[in-house]
Amino acid sequence: MKITINGQHFELANYGNLTQALREFAAKEPFAVAVNGQFIPRSQCDTYLLNEGDSIELLSPIQGG
């Protein structure tokens, strides 16, 4: 399945849930996640099924001073 993660094209080994995609992408904590512009709570990542062409954005907190 072809998806986009942070603007990069990515191919998953098979159709799966959001947690599997984040694991294959080796996402590093901490981050928030949005699929097709919609925030997905981390508690729902295991049950959120991805579709061909979905766009995932990982948003990391920024510290400043």
N, C-alpha and C. Protein backbone atom coordinates (compact mmCIF):
# COMPACT_ATOMS: atom_id res chain seq x y z
N MET A 1 0.84 -1.17 0.00
CA MET A 1 0.00 0.00 0.00
C MET A 1 0.89 1.23 0.00
N LYS A 2 0.59 2.19 -0.85
CA LYS A 2 1.37 3.42 -0.93
C LYS A 2 0.69 4.52 -0.12
N ILE A 3 1.48 5.14 0.76
CA ILE A 3 1.02 6.27 1.57
C ILE A 3 2.12 7.33 1.54
N THR A 4 1.83 8.46 2.17
CA THR A 4 2.82 9.53 2.31
C THR A 4 2.98 9.81 3.80
N ILE A 5 4.24 9.88 4.25
CA ILE A 5 4.52 10.22 5.65
C ILE A 5 5.47 11.41 5.64
N ASN A 6 5.00 12.51 6.21
CA ASN A 6 5.78 13.76 6.26
C ASN A 6 6.31 14.14 4.88
N GLY A 7 5.48 13.99 3.87
CA GLY A 7 5.83 14.40 2.52
C GLY A 7 6.67 13.39 1.74
N GLN A 8 7.05 12.29 2.37
CA GLN A 8 7.85 11.26 1.70
C GLN A 8 6.94 10.09 1.32
N HIS A 9 7.11 9.62 0.09
CA HIS A 9 6.34 8.45 -0.34
C HIS A 9 6.88 7.22 0.38
N PHE A 10 5.97 6.39 0.82
CA PHE A 10 6.33 5.25 1.64
C PHE A 10 5.43 4.09 1.24
N GLU A 11 5.97 2.90 1.18
CA GLU A 11 5.15 1.73 0.85
C GLU A 11 5.15 0.76 2.01
N LEU A 12 3.95 0.44 2.49
CA LEU A 12 3.80 -0.52 3.58
C LEU A 12 3.81 -1.92 2.99
N ALA A 13 4.31 -2.86 3.77
CA ALA A 13 4.37 -4.25 3.32
C ALA A 13 2.97 -4.79 3.04
N ASN A 14 2.00 -4.38 3.85
CA ASN A 14 0.62 -4.81 3.63
C ASN A 14 -0.34 -3.78 4.22
N TYR A 15 -1.59 -3.97 3.97
CA TYR A 15 -2.58 -3.05 4.53
C TYR A 15 -2.62 -3.23 6.02
N GLY A 16 -2.70 -2.14 6.74
CA GLY A 16 -2.68 -2.27 8.18
C GLY A 16 -3.21 -1.04 8.88
N ASN A 17 -2.91 -1.01 10.17
CA ASN A 17 -3.39 0.11 10.97
C ASN A 17 -2.29 1.16 11.10
N LEU A 18 -2.65 2.26 11.71
CA LEU A 18 -1.74 3.38 11.84
C LEU A 18 -0.52 3.03 12.69
N THR A 19 -0.70 2.26 13.74
CA THR A 19 0.42 1.85 14.59
C THR A 19 1.46 1.08 13.78
N GLN A 20 1.02 0.17 12.91
CA GLN A 20 1.95 -0.60 12.09
C GLN A 20 2.75 0.32 11.17
N ALA A 21 2.08 1.31 10.58
CA ALA A 21 2.76 2.25 9.68
C ALA A 21 3.81 3.05 10.46
N LEU A 22 3.47 3.52 11.65
CA LEU A 22 4.41 4.29 12.45
C LEU A 22 5.61 3.43 12.84
N ARG A 23 5.37 2.17 13.13
CA ARG A 23 6.45 1.25 13.49
C ARG A 23 7.37 1.01 12.29
N GLU A 24 6.79 0.77 11.10
CA GLU A 24 7.61 0.55 9.90
C GLU A 24 8.41 1.79 9.53
N PHE A 25 7.84 2.97 9.79
CA PHE A 25 8.52 4.23 9.49
C PHE A 25 9.57 4.56 10.54
N ALA A 26 9.57 3.83 11.66
CA ALA A 26 10.49 4.05 12.79
C ALA A 26 10.32 5.44 13.37
N ALA A 27 9.07 5.83 13.59
CA ALA A 27 8.75 7.14 14.17
C ALA A 27 9.32 7.22 15.59
N LYS A 28 9.90 8.36 15.91
CA LYS A 28 10.53 8.59 17.21
C LYS A 28 9.62 9.45 18.09
N GLU A 29 9.40 9.01 19.32
CA GLU A 29 8.61 9.77 20.30
C GLU A 29 9.37 11.03 20.70
N PRO A 30 8.74 12.06 21.15
CA PRO A 30 7.29 12.27 21.21
C PRO A 30 6.78 12.88 19.90
N PHE A 31 5.55 12.59 19.56
CA PHE A 31 4.94 13.18 18.38
C PHE A 31 3.42 13.05 18.46
N ALA A 32 2.74 13.91 17.73
CA ALA A 32 1.31 13.80 17.49
C ALA A 32 1.17 13.35 16.05
N VAL A 33 0.05 12.75 15.72
CA VAL A 33 -0.13 12.23 14.37
C VAL A 33 -1.46 12.69 13.78
N ALA A 34 -1.41 13.04 12.50
CA ALA A 34 -2.61 13.43 11.76
C ALA A 34 -2.64 12.62 10.47
N VAL A 35 -3.82 12.18 10.08
CA VAL A 35 -4.01 11.47 8.82
C VAL A 35 -4.97 12.29 7.97
N ASN A 36 -4.51 12.65 6.78
CA ASN A 36 -5.32 13.47 5.87
C ASN A 36 -5.82 14.75 6.56
N GLY A 37 -4.95 15.32 7.40
CA GLY A 37 -5.26 16.58 8.07
C GLY A 37 -6.09 16.45 9.33
N GLN A 38 -6.45 15.24 9.72
CA GLN A 38 -7.27 15.03 10.92
C GLN A 38 -6.43 14.40 12.03
N PHE A 39 -6.38 15.08 13.19
CA PHE A 39 -5.64 14.56 14.34
C PHE A 39 -6.23 13.22 14.77
N ILE A 40 -5.35 12.25 15.03
CA ILE A 40 -5.76 10.94 15.51
C ILE A 40 -5.15 10.73 16.89
N PRO A 41 -5.99 10.61 17.92
CA PRO A 41 -5.45 10.36 19.26
C PRO A 41 -4.63 9.07 19.29
N ARG A 42 -3.57 9.07 20.05
CA ARG A 42 -2.69 7.90 20.11
C ARG A 42 -3.47 6.67 20.57
N SER A 43 -4.49 6.87 21.39
CA SER A 43 -5.29 5.74 21.87
C SER A 43 -6.09 5.07 20.75
N GLN A 44 -6.20 5.71 19.59
CA GLN A 44 -6.97 5.16 18.47
C GLN A 44 -6.08 4.64 17.34
N CYS A 45 -4.77 4.77 17.46
CA CYS A 45 -3.86 4.37 16.38
C CYS A 45 -3.94 2.88 16.07
N ASP A 46 -4.16 2.03 17.08
CA ASP A 46 -4.24 0.59 16.86
C ASP A 46 -5.46 0.20 16.03
N THR A 47 -6.53 0.97 16.13
CA THR A 47 -7.77 0.62 15.44
C THR A 47 -8.02 1.46 14.18
N TYR A 48 -7.15 2.46 13.92
CA TYR A 48 -7.33 3.32 12.75
C TYR A 48 -6.73 2.62 11.53
N LEU A 49 -7.59 2.20 10.60
CA LEU A 49 -7.13 1.50 9.40
C LEU A 49 -6.77 2.49 8.32
N LEU A 50 -5.62 2.27 7.70
CA LEU A 50 -5.15 3.15 6.63
C LEU A 50 -5.71 2.71 5.28
N ASN A 51 -5.79 3.66 4.36
CA ASN A 51 -6.23 3.41 3.00
C ASN A 51 -5.14 3.83 2.04
N GLU A 52 -5.14 3.22 0.88
CA GLU A 52 -4.21 3.58 -0.19
C GLU A 52 -4.23 5.09 -0.40
N GLY A 53 -3.06 5.72 -0.43
CA GLY A 53 -2.95 7.14 -0.72
C GLY A 53 -3.09 8.06 0.48
N ASP A 54 -3.30 7.51 1.69
CA ASP A 54 -3.41 8.36 2.88
C ASP A 54 -2.13 9.16 3.08
N SER A 55 -2.30 10.34 3.67
CA SER A 55 -1.17 11.21 3.98
C SER A 55 -1.08 11.35 5.50
N ILE A 56 0.06 10.94 6.05
CA ILE A 56 0.29 10.98 7.49
C ILE A 56 1.30 12.07 7.79
N GLU A 57 1.00 12.87 8.80
CA GLU A 57 1.94 13.89 9.26
C GLU A 57 2.27 13.61 10.72
N LEU A 58 3.57 13.57 11.02
CA LEU A 58 4.03 13.43 12.40
C LEU A 58 4.50 14.81 12.86
N LEU A 59 3.93 15.27 13.95
CA LEU A 59 4.21 16.60 14.45
C LEU A 59 4.92 16.49 15.78
N SER A 60 6.15 16.97 15.84
CA SER A 60 6.94 16.92 17.06
C SER A 60 6.86 18.26 17.78
N PRO A 61 6.85 18.22 19.12
CA PRO A 61 6.84 19.48 19.86
C PRO A 61 8.15 20.24 19.64
N ILE A 62 8.04 21.55 19.61
CA ILE A 62 9.21 22.41 19.42
C ILE A 62 9.42 23.20 20.70
N GLN A 63 10.63 23.17 21.20
CA GLN A 63 10.96 23.92 22.40
C GLN A 63 11.70 25.18 21.97
N GLY A 64 11.39 26.23 22.63
CA GLY A 64 12.04 27.49 22.29
C GLY A 64 12.31 28.30 23.54
N GLY A 65 12.87 29.44 23.29
CA GLY A 65 13.17 30.25 24.47
C GLY A 65 13.16 31.70 24.14
